[in-house]
Protein backbone atom coordinates (compact mmCIF):
# COMPACT_ATOMS: atom_id res chain seq x y z
CA UNK A 1 87.69 79.33 30.96
CA UNK A 2 91.53 78.43 31.53
CA UNK A 3 92.03 76.07 34.66
CA UNK A 4 93.44 78.04 37.98
CA UNK A 5 97.27 77.37 38.17
CA UNK A 6 98.27 75.16 40.98
CA UNK A 7 100.60 77.46 42.67
CA UNK A 8 97.85 80.48 43.59
CA UNK A 9 96.87 79.09 46.82
CA UNK A 10 100.53 78.95 48.14
CA UNK A 11 100.88 82.35 46.70
CA UNK A 12 98.04 83.46 48.70
CA UNK A 13 99.11 82.04 51.56
CA UNK A 14 102.54 83.16 51.26
CA UNK A 15 101.23 86.62 50.54
CA UNK A 16 98.97 86.62 53.99
CA UNK A 17 102.29 85.21 55.94
CA UNK A 18 103.86 88.56 55.02
CA UNK A 19 101.39 90.85 55.60
CA UNK A 20 100.65 89.40 59.11
CA UNK A 21 104.81 89.65 59.40
CA UNK A 22 104.75 93.29 58.41
CA UNK A 23 101.86 94.31 60.47
CA UNK A 24 103.34 92.74 63.59
CA UNK A 25 106.89 93.74 62.69
CA UNK A 26 105.72 97.35 62.36
CA UNK A 27 103.70 97.41 65.41
CA UNK A 28 106.58 95.88 67.50
CA UNK A 29 108.84 98.52 66.22
CA UNK A 30 106.18 101.38 67.06
CA UNK A 31 105.77 100.48 70.58
CA UNK A 32 109.28 99.78 71.14
CA UNK A 33 110.90 103.07 70.06
CA UNK A 34 111.87 105.34 72.88
CA UNK A 35 109.45 108.56 74.00
CA UNK A 36 109.89 111.88 72.34
CA UNK A 37 109.16 114.97 73.77
CA UNK A 38 105.95 115.04 71.20
CA UNK A 39 104.82 111.35 72.02
CA UNK A 40 101.99 112.60 74.06
CA UNK A 41 100.31 114.24 71.12
CA UNK A 42 98.04 111.84 69.34
CA UNK A 43 97.36 112.28 65.65
CA UNK A 44 94.05 114.20 64.55
CA UNK A 45 91.51 112.00 64.90
CA UNK A 46 88.14 113.69 65.09
CA UNK A 47 85.53 112.49 67.20
CA UNK A 48 83.31 112.73 64.15
CA UNK A 49 85.08 113.47 60.85
CA UNK A 50 81.78 114.10 59.25
CA UNK A 51 80.14 116.11 61.27
CA UNK A 52 76.02 116.35 60.30
CA UNK A 53 75.25 119.61 58.25
CA UNK A 54 78.67 120.97 59.28
CA UNK A 55 78.90 124.14 57.32
CA UNK A 56 81.35 127.16 57.35
CA UNK A 57 80.30 130.31 55.62
CA UNK A 58 83.11 133.35 54.77
CA UNK A 59 81.63 136.59 55.94
CA UNK A 60 83.42 139.69 54.31
CA UNK A 61 83.03 142.84 55.53
CA UNK A 62 83.61 145.92 53.05
CA UNK A 63 82.94 149.54 52.54
CA UNK A 64 84.53 151.72 49.86
CA UNK A 65 87.80 149.98 49.45
CA UNK A 66 88.15 148.34 45.97
CA UNK A 67 91.50 147.42 45.58
CA UNK A 68 91.38 145.89 48.97
CA UNK A 69 88.32 143.76 48.50
CA UNK A 70 89.32 142.61 45.03
CA UNK A 71 93.00 141.32 47.14
CA UNK A 72 91.01 139.78 49.72
CA UNK A 73 88.56 137.90 47.60
CA UNK A 74 91.11 136.59 45.03
CA UNK A 75 93.20 135.53 48.20
CA UNK A 76 90.06 133.16 49.49
CA UNK A 77 89.18 132.06 45.89
CA UNK A 78 92.64 130.79 45.96
CA UNK A 79 92.33 128.66 49.04
CA UNK A 80 91.95 125.21 48.98
CA UNK A 81 88.32 123.71 49.76
CA UNK A 82 88.74 120.16 49.09
CA UNK A 83 85.33 118.53 48.07
CA UNK A 84 83.37 121.17 50.62
CA UNK A 85 80.89 123.55 50.06
CA UNK A 86 81.65 127.11 51.72
CA UNK A 87 79.24 129.76 51.18
CA UNK A 88 80.60 133.31 50.85
CA UNK A 89 78.58 136.43 51.94
CA UNK A 90 79.85 140.00 50.96
CA UNK A 91 78.78 142.63 53.09
CA UNK A 92 78.80 146.06 51.67
CA UNK A 93 78.27 149.10 53.79
CA UNK A 94 76.31 152.16 52.30
CA UNK A 95 78.80 155.53 52.09
CA UNK A 96 77.62 158.17 54.43
CA UNK A 97 74.98 160.84 52.98
CA UNK A 98 75.87 164.17 52.71
CA UNK A 99 73.60 167.41 51.80
CA UNK A 100 73.68 167.42 48.09
CA UNK A 101 73.70 171.04 48.02
CA UNK A 102 77.05 171.07 49.80
CA UNK A 103 78.59 168.08 48.44
CA UNK A 104 77.49 166.99 44.97
CA UNK A 105 80.78 165.97 43.38
CA UNK A 106 81.45 164.23 46.81
CA UNK A 107 78.22 162.14 46.02
CA UNK A 108 78.66 161.29 42.56
CA UNK A 109 82.26 160.04 43.58
CA UNK A 110 81.23 157.87 45.99
CA UNK A 111 78.23 156.55 44.09
CA UNK A 112 80.42 155.80 41.10
CA UNK A 113 82.62 153.98 43.54
CA UNK A 114 80.02 151.95 45.19
CA UNK A 115 78.77 150.79 41.68
CA UNK A 116 82.13 149.61 40.71
CA UNK A 117 82.51 147.59 43.96
CA UNK A 118 79.23 146.28 43.18
CA UNK A 119 79.95 145.77 39.54
CA UNK A 120 83.13 143.47 40.71
CA UNK A 121 81.44 141.67 43.13
CA UNK A 122 78.90 140.50 41.00
CA UNK A 123 81.06 139.60 38.61
CA UNK A 124 83.65 137.72 40.72
CA UNK A 125 83.27 134.09 40.46
CA UNK A 126 82.99 131.66 43.53
CA UNK A 127 82.74 128.03 42.59
CA UNK A 128 83.09 126.66 46.01
CA UNK A 129 79.21 127.46 47.09
CA UNK A 130 76.52 130.33 46.87
CA UNK A 131 77.39 133.58 46.93
CA UNK A 132 75.16 136.31 48.63
CA UNK A 133 75.75 140.11 48.34
CA UNK A 134 74.51 142.31 50.90
CA UNK A 135 74.31 146.02 49.73
CA UNK A 136 73.40 148.20 52.75
CA UNK A 137 71.01 151.23 51.82
CA UNK A 138 72.35 153.39 54.95
CA UNK A 139 75.80 153.51 56.41
CA UNK A 140 75.76 151.46 59.44
CA UNK A 141 79.38 151.40 60.71
CA UNK A 142 81.79 148.33 61.47
CA UNK A 143 79.98 147.33 64.62
CA UNK A 144 76.60 146.92 62.80
CA UNK A 145 78.55 145.02 60.13
CA UNK A 146 80.04 142.30 62.39
CA UNK A 147 76.70 142.02 65.00
CA UNK A 148 74.45 141.85 61.80
CA UNK A 149 76.50 139.44 59.77
CA UNK A 150 75.52 136.42 61.38
CA UNK A 151 72.56 134.47 63.46
CA UNK A 152 73.59 130.47 63.66
CA UNK A 153 70.94 128.77 62.19
CA UNK A 154 72.37 125.70 64.10
CA UNK A 155 74.87 124.58 66.38
CA UNK A 156 76.55 122.90 63.50
CA UNK A 157 76.77 126.37 61.47
CA UNK A 158 80.49 128.19 61.93
CA UNK A 159 81.07 131.57 60.53
CA UNK A 160 84.51 133.13 59.52
CA UNK A 161 84.50 136.66 59.54
CA UNK A 162 86.94 138.65 57.32
CA UNK A 163 87.68 142.27 57.09
CA UNK A 164 87.96 143.38 53.49
CA UNK A 165 91.74 144.55 53.95
CA UNK A 166 93.01 140.95 55.00
CA UNK A 167 94.54 138.42 52.68
CA UNK A 168 94.48 134.83 53.52
CA UNK A 169 96.37 131.82 52.84
CA UNK A 170 95.91 128.90 50.59
CA UNK A 171 96.20 126.73 53.69
CA UNK A 172 93.74 128.58 55.59
CA UNK A 173 90.16 126.63 55.24
CA UNK A 174 92.17 123.26 55.92
CA UNK A 175 93.56 124.33 59.06
CA UNK A 176 89.93 125.71 60.22
CA UNK A 177 88.41 122.74 59.31
CA UNK A 178 90.69 120.51 61.14
CA UNK A 179 90.62 123.05 64.42
CA UNK A 180 86.71 122.76 64.51
CA UNK A 181 87.13 118.90 64.20
CA UNK A 182 89.57 118.57 67.09
CA UNK A 183 88.29 121.65 69.31
CA UNK A 184 84.30 121.50 68.43
CA UNK A 185 83.33 117.78 67.66
CA UNK A 186 86.00 115.72 69.42
CA UNK A 187 84.36 115.47 72.87
CA UNK A 188 87.59 114.84 74.85
CA UNK A 189 89.17 118.31 73.03
CA UNK A 190 85.80 120.21 73.77
CA UNK A 191 85.51 123.29 76.08
CA UNK A 192 82.45 125.62 76.46
CA UNK A 193 84.90 128.18 77.27
CA UNK A 194 86.08 128.08 73.83
CA UNK A 195 84.36 130.69 71.68
CA UNK A 196 86.31 130.24 68.14
CA UNK A 197 89.93 130.78 66.75
CA UNK A 198 92.03 133.69 65.48
CA UNK A 199 94.27 133.49 62.58
CA UNK A 200 96.10 136.30 63.06
CA UNK A 201 99.60 136.78 64.35
CA UNK A 202 99.14 137.69 68.01
CA UNK A 203 100.77 140.95 68.92
CA UNK A 204 98.66 142.60 70.84
CA UNK A 205 97.82 143.06 74.94
CA UNK A 206 94.72 144.49 75.54
CA UNK A 207 95.13 145.06 79.43
CA UNK A 208 97.09 147.79 80.60
CA UNK A 209 100.74 146.98 82.14
CA UNK A 210 100.33 143.67 81.16
CA UNK A 211 103.12 140.98 80.50
CA UNK A 212 104.92 140.90 76.85
CA UNK A 213 103.19 138.69 74.46
CA UNK A 214 106.10 136.42 74.74
CA UNK A 215 105.76 132.43 73.54
CA UNK A 216 108.45 129.55 73.44
CA UNK A 217 109.16 128.19 69.97
CA UNK A 218 107.29 125.18 70.74
CA UNK A 219 104.19 126.79 71.14
CA UNK A 220 101.94 126.34 67.76
CA UNK A 221 98.56 126.73 69.55
CA UNK A 222 97.56 128.67 73.14
CA UNK A 223 94.51 130.27 73.88
CA UNK A 224 94.17 133.85 74.93
CA UNK A 225 91.24 136.00 75.75
CA UNK A 226 91.25 138.56 73.00
CA UNK A 227 89.23 138.57 69.96
CA UNK A 228 91.11 138.67 66.93
CA UNK A 229 89.46 140.91 63.94
CA UNK A 230 91.90 139.93 61.30
CA UNK A 231 90.25 136.27 60.45
CA UNK A 232 88.17 135.28 63.24
CA UNK A 233 86.40 132.01 63.23
CA UNK A 234 83.20 132.13 65.42
CA UNK A 235 81.58 129.23 66.94
CA UNK A 236 77.73 129.63 67.24
CA UNK A 237 76.68 128.93 70.80
CA UNK A 238 78.88 131.48 72.44
CA UNK A 239 78.20 133.66 69.43
CA UNK A 240 74.47 133.58 69.97
CA UNK A 241 74.77 133.85 73.83
CA UNK A 242 76.69 137.34 72.98
CA UNK A 243 74.17 138.82 70.64
CA UNK A 244 71.68 138.04 73.55
CA UNK A 245 73.81 139.59 76.01
CA UNK A 246 74.74 142.97 73.89
CA UNK A 247 70.40 143.25 73.05
CA UNK A 248 70.29 143.64 76.33
CA UNK A 249 73.10 145.73 77.39
CA UNK A 250 72.61 148.05 74.79
CA UNK A 251 68.88 148.30 75.08
CA UNK A 252 69.40 149.28 78.82
CA UNK A 253 71.77 151.79 77.90
CA UNK A 254 74.85 150.03 80.10
CA UNK A 255 78.24 150.86 78.07
CA UNK A 256 80.88 148.38 77.74
CA UNK A 257 83.17 149.88 80.13
CA UNK A 258 85.87 147.63 81.70
CA UNK A 259 88.65 149.89 83.62
CA UNK A 260 92.08 148.40 83.15
CA UNK A 261 91.76 147.90 79.50
CA UNK A 262 93.34 149.85 76.63
CA UNK A 263 90.26 148.93 74.42
CA UNK A 264 88.01 150.93 76.94
CA UNK A 265 90.01 154.11 76.06
CA UNK A 266 89.21 153.33 72.37
CA UNK A 267 85.51 152.88 73.04
CA UNK A 268 85.41 156.66 74.70
CA UNK A 269 87.45 158.17 71.88
CA UNK A 270 85.31 156.06 69.11
CA UNK A 271 81.88 154.99 70.66
CA UNK A 272 79.88 152.67 68.45
CA UNK A 273 81.89 152.96 65.94
CA UNK A 274 83.31 149.94 67.03
CA UNK A 275 82.59 146.42 68.07
CA UNK A 276 85.01 144.93 70.08
CA UNK A 277 84.87 146.68 73.47
CA UNK A 278 81.35 145.20 73.69
CA UNK A 279 82.71 141.31 72.84
CA UNK A 280 85.73 142.13 75.02
CA UNK A 281 83.05 143.06 78.01
CA UNK A 282 81.33 139.73 77.48
CA UNK A 283 84.66 137.39 77.30
CA UNK A 284 85.79 138.75 80.55
CA UNK A 285 82.05 138.54 82.30
CA UNK A 286 81.95 134.65 81.10
CA UNK A 287 85.58 133.85 81.06
CA UNK A 288 85.89 132.70 77.51
CA UNK A 289 89.17 131.98 75.70
CA UNK A 290 90.05 132.33 71.78
CA UNK A 291 92.19 129.88 70.19
CA UNK A 292 95.55 131.38 68.42
CA UNK A 293 98.18 130.32 66.11
CA UNK A 294 102.10 130.94 66.83
CA UNK A 295 104.13 130.02 63.55
CA UNK A 296 107.26 132.14 64.31
CA UNK A 297 108.92 134.77 62.04
CA UNK A 298 105.97 136.62 62.09
CA UNK A 299 104.12 134.11 59.97
CA UNK A 300 100.29 133.60 59.70
CA UNK A 301 97.54 132.38 57.72
CA UNK A 302 95.75 135.66 57.79
CA UNK A 303 97.45 139.09 57.19
CA UNK A 304 96.08 142.47 57.57
CA UNK A 305 97.15 144.85 55.07
CA UNK A 306 96.07 148.05 57.61
CA UNK A 307 94.47 150.00 55.00
CA UNK A 308 93.24 153.43 55.58
CA UNK A 309 90.10 153.19 57.26
CA UNK A 310 88.16 153.20 60.47
CA UNK A 311 91.21 151.67 62.35
CA UNK A 312 94.02 153.44 60.55
CA UNK A 313 94.12 157.18 59.29
CA UNK A 314 96.74 155.98 56.62
CA UNK A 315 98.00 152.76 55.41
CA UNK A 316 100.30 150.69 57.56
CA UNK A 317 101.05 147.63 55.58
CA UNK A 318 100.51 143.67 56.38
CA UNK A 319 101.40 142.79 59.97
CA UNK A 320 102.54 139.74 58.81
CA UNK A 321 104.03 137.31 56.41
CA UNK A 322 101.34 134.88 54.73
CA UNK A 323 101.97 131.11 55.29
CA UNK A 324 101.80 128.86 52.41
CA UNK A 325 103.25 125.10 51.61
CA UNK A 326 107.08 126.53 50.57
CA UNK A 327 107.23 128.11 54.02
CA UNK A 328 106.06 125.00 55.93
CA UNK A 329 108.35 123.72 58.24
CA UNK A 330 106.41 122.04 60.44
CA UNK A 331 103.29 119.95 60.64
CA UNK A 332 100.45 122.46 60.38
CA UNK A 333 98.07 120.07 60.97
CA UNK A 334 99.07 118.69 64.13
CA UNK A 335 96.59 120.08 66.99
CA UNK A 336 97.43 118.78 70.49
CA UNK A 337 95.02 117.51 73.10
CA UNK A 338 93.27 120.88 74.53
CA UNK A 339 94.61 120.40 78.13
CA UNK A 340 98.17 120.59 76.62
CA UNK A 341 97.64 124.15 75.63
CA UNK A 342 98.44 127.00 77.49
CA UNK A 343 95.77 129.50 78.70
CA UNK A 344 96.06 133.27 78.87
CA UNK A 345 93.92 136.15 80.32
CA UNK A 346 93.86 139.70 78.84
CA UNK A 347 97.36 140.57 80.78
CA UNK A 348 98.57 137.67 79.07
CA UNK A 349 99.09 135.83 82.42
CA UNK A 350 98.81 132.21 82.20
CA UNK A 351 95.96 130.85 83.69
CA UNK A 352 95.28 126.91 84.54
CA UNK A 353 91.52 126.06 84.41
CA UNK A 354 89.89 123.07 85.94
CA UNK A 355 92.21 122.90 89.08
CA UNK A 356 89.84 121.25 90.96
CA UNK A 357 91.49 119.14 94.36
CA UNK A 358 89.40 115.92 94.81
CA UNK A 359 92.05 114.03 96.99
CA UNK A 360 94.78 114.54 99.64
CA UNK A 361 97.50 113.42 97.14
CA UNK A 362 96.16 116.27 94.57
CA UNK A 363 96.34 118.79 97.65
CA UNK A 364 99.45 118.31 98.43
CA UNK A 365 100.49 119.14 94.83
CA UNK A 366 98.08 121.91 94.51
CA UNK A 367 99.64 123.58 97.85
CA UNK A 368 102.98 123.49 96.65
CA UNK A 369 101.65 125.33 93.13
CA UNK A 370 99.67 128.04 94.91
CA UNK A 371 101.94 128.98 98.08
CA UNK A 372 103.73 132.03 98.11
CA UNK A 373 106.48 132.96 100.57
CA UNK A 374 105.25 129.47 102.53
CA UNK A 375 101.52 130.73 102.86
CA UNK A 376 98.31 129.47 101.71
CA UNK A 377 94.87 131.35 102.10
CA UNK A 378 91.74 128.71 102.15
CA UNK A 379 88.84 130.65 101.45
CA UNK A 380 85.59 128.98 102.73
CA UNK A 381 82.57 129.13 100.35
CA UNK A 382 80.16 127.13 103.40
CA UNK A 383 78.52 130.47 104.56
CA UNK A 384 78.75 132.98 101.76
CA UNK A 385 77.04 134.11 98.57
CA UNK A 386 78.25 134.19 95.32
CA UNK A 387 78.26 138.02 94.75
CA UNK A 388 80.31 138.37 98.14
CA UNK A 389 83.04 135.68 96.99
CA UNK A 390 83.14 137.15 93.62
CA UNK A 391 83.99 140.88 95.11
CA UNK A 392 86.49 138.72 97.20
CA UNK A 393 88.20 137.62 94.06
CA UNK A 394 88.27 141.10 92.59
CA UNK A 395 90.32 142.48 95.49
CA UNK A 396 92.44 139.46 95.16
CA UNK A 397 93.32 140.46 91.76
CA UNK A 398 93.94 144.16 92.39
CA UNK A 399 96.46 142.98 95.09
CA UNK A 400 97.72 140.29 93.48
CA UNK A 401 97.23 137.90 95.57
CA UNK A 402 97.62 134.53 94.15
CA UNK A 403 98.06 132.00 96.81
CA UNK A 404 94.49 131.18 97.71
CA UNK A 405 92.46 128.05 97.19
CA UNK A 406 88.54 128.18 97.45
CA UNK A 407 86.93 125.34 99.85
CA UNK A 408 83.59 124.11 99.54
CA UNK A 409 81.07 121.48 98.82
CA UNK A 410 80.56 120.46 95.22
CA UNK A 411 78.35 123.32 93.58
CA UNK A 412 78.08 124.51 90.06
CA UNK A 413 79.67 127.69 91.24
CA UNK A 414 82.71 125.82 92.50
CA UNK A 415 83.08 124.12 89.32
CA UNK A 416 82.62 127.60 87.58
CA UNK A 417 85.47 129.48 89.71
CA UNK A 418 87.69 126.23 88.67
CA UNK A 419 86.77 126.87 84.58
CA UNK A 420 88.05 130.15 85.31
CA UNK A 421 91.40 129.16 86.57
CA UNK A 422 90.64 129.41 90.23
CA UNK A 423 92.09 126.78 92.28
CA UNK A 424 89.13 124.84 94.20
CA UNK A 425 88.78 121.87 96.77
CA UNK A 426 85.90 120.07 96.22
CA UNK A 427 85.22 119.31 99.94
CA UNK A 428 82.74 116.26 99.45
CA UNK A 429 85.33 114.18 97.21
CA UNK A 430 88.06 114.71 100.01
CA UNK A 431 85.39 113.73 102.25
CA UNK A 432 85.15 110.45 101.10
CA UNK A 433 89.04 110.02 101.95
CA UNK A 434 87.94 110.77 105.94
CA UNK A 435 86.50 107.59 106.60
CA UNK A 436 87.51 106.92 110.35
CA UNK A 437 85.26 109.27 112.13
CA UNK A 438 81.63 108.23 111.96
CA UNK A 439 78.88 110.79 110.76
CA UNK A 440 76.04 107.88 111.15
CA UNK A 441 74.82 109.66 114.26
CA UNK A 442 74.72 113.14 112.98
CA UNK A 443 71.51 114.25 111.14
CA UNK A 444 70.75 117.28 108.73
CA UNK A 445 72.35 120.44 109.09
CA UNK A 446 74.78 118.64 112.14
CA UNK A 447 76.14 116.45 109.83
CA UNK A 448 77.19 118.89 106.92
CA UNK A 449 78.44 121.16 109.62
CA UNK A 450 80.44 118.17 110.84
CA UNK A 451 81.59 117.47 107.17
CA UNK A 452 82.79 121.31 106.80
CA UNK A 453 84.57 120.87 110.36
CA UNK A 454 86.48 117.49 109.36
CA UNK A 455 87.55 118.76 106.00
CA UNK A 456 88.90 122.20 107.07
CA UNK A 457 91.01 120.22 110.04
CA UNK A 458 92.12 118.03 107.65
CA UNK A 459 93.49 120.66 104.97
CA UNK A 460 94.97 122.30 107.86
CA UNK A 461 96.71 119.36 108.46
CA UNK A 462 97.91 118.96 105.12
CA UNK A 463 99.43 122.07 104.94
CA UNK A 464 101.36 121.98 108.12
CA UNK A 465 102.91 118.46 106.94
CA UNK A 466 103.69 120.22 103.73
CA UNK A 467 105.60 123.02 105.48
CA UNK A 468 103.10 126.16 104.98
CA UNK A 469 101.47 128.64 107.05
CA UNK A 470 97.51 128.59 106.63
CA UNK A 471 95.21 131.15 106.73
CA UNK A 472 91.18 129.96 107.06
CA UNK A 473 89.14 132.76 106.19
CA UNK A 474 85.48 133.04 105.43
CA UNK A 475 83.48 134.98 103.00
CA UNK A 476 82.86 137.63 105.87
CA UNK A 477 86.16 139.31 105.54
CA UNK A 478 87.82 141.54 102.60
CA UNK A 479 91.31 142.34 102.61
CA UNK A 480 92.17 146.10 101.81
CA UNK A 481 95.89 145.31 101.68
CA UNK A 482 98.09 141.86 101.10
CA UNK A 483 98.79 142.05 105.08
CA UNK A 484 98.70 137.97 105.53
CA UNK A 485 102.31 137.77 105.49
CA UNK A 486 102.81 140.77 107.88
CA UNK A 487 100.28 139.45 110.26
CA UNK A 488 101.37 135.98 110.26
CA UNK A 489 104.88 136.74 111.29
CA UNK A 490 103.71 138.47 114.20
CA UNK A 491 101.06 135.72 115.09
CA UNK A 492 101.98 132.71 117.55
CA UNK A 493 101.43 129.35 116.52
CA UNK A 494 97.54 129.66 116.58
CA UNK A 495 95.93 133.15 116.06
CA UNK A 496 92.18 133.33 115.93
CA UNK A 497 89.92 136.50 114.67
CA UNK A 498 86.46 135.31 115.75
CA UNK A 499 84.48 137.94 114.91
CA UNK A 500 86.00 137.68 111.21
CA UNK A 501 85.90 134.06 111.23
CA UNK A 502 89.80 133.69 110.85
CA UNK A 503 92.29 131.15 112.05
CA UNK A 504 95.99 131.18 111.37
CA UNK A 505 98.19 128.46 111.85
CA UNK A 506 101.53 128.73 111.65
CA UNK A 507 104.05 125.79 110.43
CA UNK A 508 106.11 124.64 113.40
CA UNK A 509 107.47 121.68 115.27
CA UNK A 510 104.98 122.60 118.13
CA UNK A 511 101.63 122.79 115.57
CA UNK A 512 102.49 119.80 113.93
CA UNK A 513 102.69 118.06 117.14
CA UNK A 514 99.37 119.31 118.24
CA UNK A 515 97.62 119.31 114.70
CA UNK A 516 97.35 115.55 114.44
CA UNK A 517 94.58 112.87 113.78
CA UNK A 518 93.65 112.79 117.31
CA UNK A 519 93.13 116.65 117.61
CA UNK A 520 91.23 116.72 114.72
CA UNK A 521 88.80 114.09 116.23
CA UNK A 522 88.85 116.34 119.38
CA UNK A 523 87.53 118.98 116.99
CA UNK A 524 84.94 116.95 115.94
CA UNK A 525 83.86 115.55 119.10
CA UNK A 526 83.86 119.42 120.45
CA UNK A 527 81.63 120.36 117.22
CA UNK A 528 79.26 117.25 118.06
CA UNK A 529 78.75 118.06 121.90
CA UNK A 530 78.27 121.87 121.24
CA UNK A 531 75.92 121.89 118.09
CA UNK A 532 72.90 120.75 120.20
CA UNK A 533 73.03 123.88 122.61
CA UNK A 534 70.26 126.20 121.81
CA UNK A 535 72.28 129.20 123.69
CA UNK A 536 75.26 128.87 120.90
CA UNK A 537 74.40 131.86 118.45
CA UNK A 538 75.30 131.32 114.48
CA UNK A 539 78.59 133.08 114.53
CA UNK A 540 79.69 130.67 117.08
CA UNK A 541 78.35 127.48 115.05
CA UNK A 542 81.70 127.98 113.20
CA UNK A 543 84.93 125.91 112.39
CA UNK A 544 87.28 128.49 114.13
CA UNK A 545 84.98 128.61 117.10
CA UNK A 546 85.19 124.73 117.45
CA UNK A 547 88.74 124.87 116.86
CA UNK A 548 89.61 127.45 119.44
CA UNK A 549 87.69 125.74 122.19
CA UNK A 550 89.42 122.71 121.43
CA UNK A 551 92.89 124.26 121.70
CA UNK A 552 91.90 125.99 124.81
CA UNK A 553 90.79 122.68 126.55
CA UNK A 554 94.11 121.18 125.34
CA UNK A 555 95.84 124.02 127.10
CA UNK A 556 97.44 125.43 123.87
CA UNK A 557 98.05 129.37 124.13
CA UNK A 558 95.67 131.15 121.43
CA UNK A 559 96.58 134.67 120.37
CA UNK A 560 93.56 136.78 119.63
CA UNK A 561 94.11 139.28 116.46
CA UNK A 562 92.62 142.66 117.60
CA UNK A 563 89.99 143.33 115.34
CA UNK A 564 89.93 147.06 115.78
CA UNK A 565 93.55 147.37 115.12
CA UNK A 566 93.44 145.21 112.26
CA UNK A 567 90.34 146.33 110.24
CA UNK A 568 86.75 148.12 110.32
CA UNK A 569 84.04 146.34 111.10
CA UNK A 570 81.00 146.64 109.38
CA UNK A 571 77.60 147.40 111.41
CA UNK A 572 74.69 148.19 109.00
CA UNK A 573 75.34 152.25 109.21
CA UNK A 574 76.68 154.22 106.42
CA UNK A 575 80.23 154.30 106.03
CA UNK A 576 82.49 156.54 103.96
CA UNK A 577 86.49 156.22 102.88
CA UNK A 578 87.44 158.18 105.84
CA UNK A 579 86.36 155.00 107.72
CA UNK A 580 89.36 153.19 106.60
CA UNK A 581 92.04 154.81 108.83
CA UNK A 582 95.45 154.13 108.06
CA UNK A 583 97.05 150.92 108.60
CA UNK A 584 93.78 149.24 108.35
CA UNK A 585 94.20 145.82 106.58
CA UNK A 586 90.69 144.34 106.09
CA UNK A 587 86.95 144.92 106.88
CA UNK A 588 84.93 142.47 108.39
CA UNK A 589 81.34 141.70 109.19
CA UNK A 590 78.92 139.37 111.16
CA UNK A 591 77.56 136.55 109.19
CA UNK A 592 74.01 137.47 110.36
CA UNK A 593 74.59 140.71 108.00
CA UNK A 594 72.35 140.79 105.28
CA UNK A 595 74.10 141.18 101.59
CA UNK A 596 71.90 144.57 100.93
CA UNK A 597 73.75 146.07 104.00
CA UNK A 598 77.17 144.60 103.25
CA UNK A 599 76.98 145.81 99.27
CA UNK A 600 75.70 149.33 100.65
CA UNK A 601 78.65 149.62 103.41
CA UNK A 602 81.39 148.41 100.97
CA UNK A 603 80.09 150.54 98.26
CA UNK A 604 80.46 153.63 100.72
CA UNK A 605 83.90 152.34 101.23
CA UNK A 606 84.94 152.23 97.65
CA UNK A 607 85.40 148.27 98.15
CA UNK A 608 82.39 147.32 95.93
CA UNK A 609 84.01 146.47 92.76
CA UNK A 610 81.88 143.76 91.06
CA UNK A 611 79.84 144.46 88.31
CA UNK A 612 76.15 143.27 88.24
CA UNK A 613 76.93 140.01 86.27
CA UNK A 614 79.65 139.02 88.99
CA UNK A 615 82.42 140.11 86.82
CA UNK A 616 84.99 142.19 88.25
CA UNK A 617 84.80 146.00 87.11
CA UNK A 618 87.99 146.29 86.06
CA UNK A 619 90.98 144.21 85.01
CA UNK A 620 93.84 144.15 87.12
CA UNK A 621 97.40 143.87 85.61
CA UNK A 622 100.47 142.67 87.30
CA UNK A 623 104.02 141.83 85.82
CA UNK A 624 104.67 138.20 86.23
């Protein structure tokens, strides 16, 4: 062996120094370059780039369209799957049987057609994984084709459902895998509210009188509640949940009627021939969302040729242009953090999930965002039930009232409201910032009442400082019309409606001067002195009562809101629609009235608009 040249150690040191210099130079260049509009978008770095047992199975739903099926399968076979194993399942629905005596020629034609389809599928080469062909013995229709195509074997199993008149881009699989890694396996970008992703071009708003589907050119990905049937990726957990939900309701004869939706009209016309109204009703009840793409110029990774069949009486042609490598003019693999994506409901109105106020700084920002005409409505969740609250929400949606914030202690229900896009105040977290008033001497329910009173008082103070009028209402009031602006205009600085637990505070120089820290402690002192009295009724152990008492002791004039002129009081007897006289703005009831009685009387008045699962019985769309 020849001896090593003497210059090798020097060469090694030189190369090492050069490498270190290059690394440090490139790092300095990276961190010193100016920020760009997309600088907050991180490169795609999946939390787990190789998830255990990750599988995606293609589910092709076919019937009697051999040319369509042939085009679909060939496009799937032309896609890039890398080194992954991807199984293909082809479900072929049987043709409808007729009486042989009346249609022998028809039967022969259908039998021959089915054999041609089977021969083609049997001979179709799928080199990326296993191929399974399921040829049904009877005609089950499109609903069963979808619902029986998949039951997830694990939480790492995904399905991509394709109807036979679709054509896929060669890029579709790489995009879907990247999306799964980013929004399912990356813990920082995962949300249980996301049920999958659609590859079709977004073009349909299901809510009647909803907004036009308009997106800016910079939006590549967004979330939309509507399911897409032209290339739909399904996540395992939500699909299992849906199937169990569907089984229970279908067995009990409950129909998927959701008023205010175009798809409900489809269901009334086509019945169980279609499946989407069932899934839409499920999505609405859970508040789930679907990921969509926006590639501009009518481009998509999946296109439907809209061939004649269940959905189209005659062929309508492709709905979009397939995206491929030659037409890529952007980074297809760039997937922003989930928090940066926009969310849209069935009306295509933007929704802002996870709006939870935990500090007074956050409260100031939230008030500015939700106020309308300088009015903010605080809805207390302290002494009300979930169903009453959800029914109130449905009426807010019906009346297009959006300037509200729910206020209550941390609970699963409060966080569920936030996940669905309703702004909430976590009173427990806010209480941590209220430290000057000592609660050590209070015990049990009195201590919790004091926390409620203090939080509500400070929230009103913040609203006054922000220059907004505030309504503090409890769960025992239901607006018939959006009369809050009108009632506020006629009220004095402080107005109360004690029987309905309503307090109105106008933002004025006088009210700001009165409602300061010292006055808040006065309310707390009044609360502490009165809560020990046995003579105090349940209706009096409320924030409005303690606030009114404190204002009276300070010599402040309070205007009482006339209950009978403003609304109708439920009193445990049966009402009917005529009870809502002209000009009535709300109904209200005692906090001691039972839920069953409230439910019954609101139904008599036509004001119980929440379904049994807690979702609204209708979708209410208003133009933004």
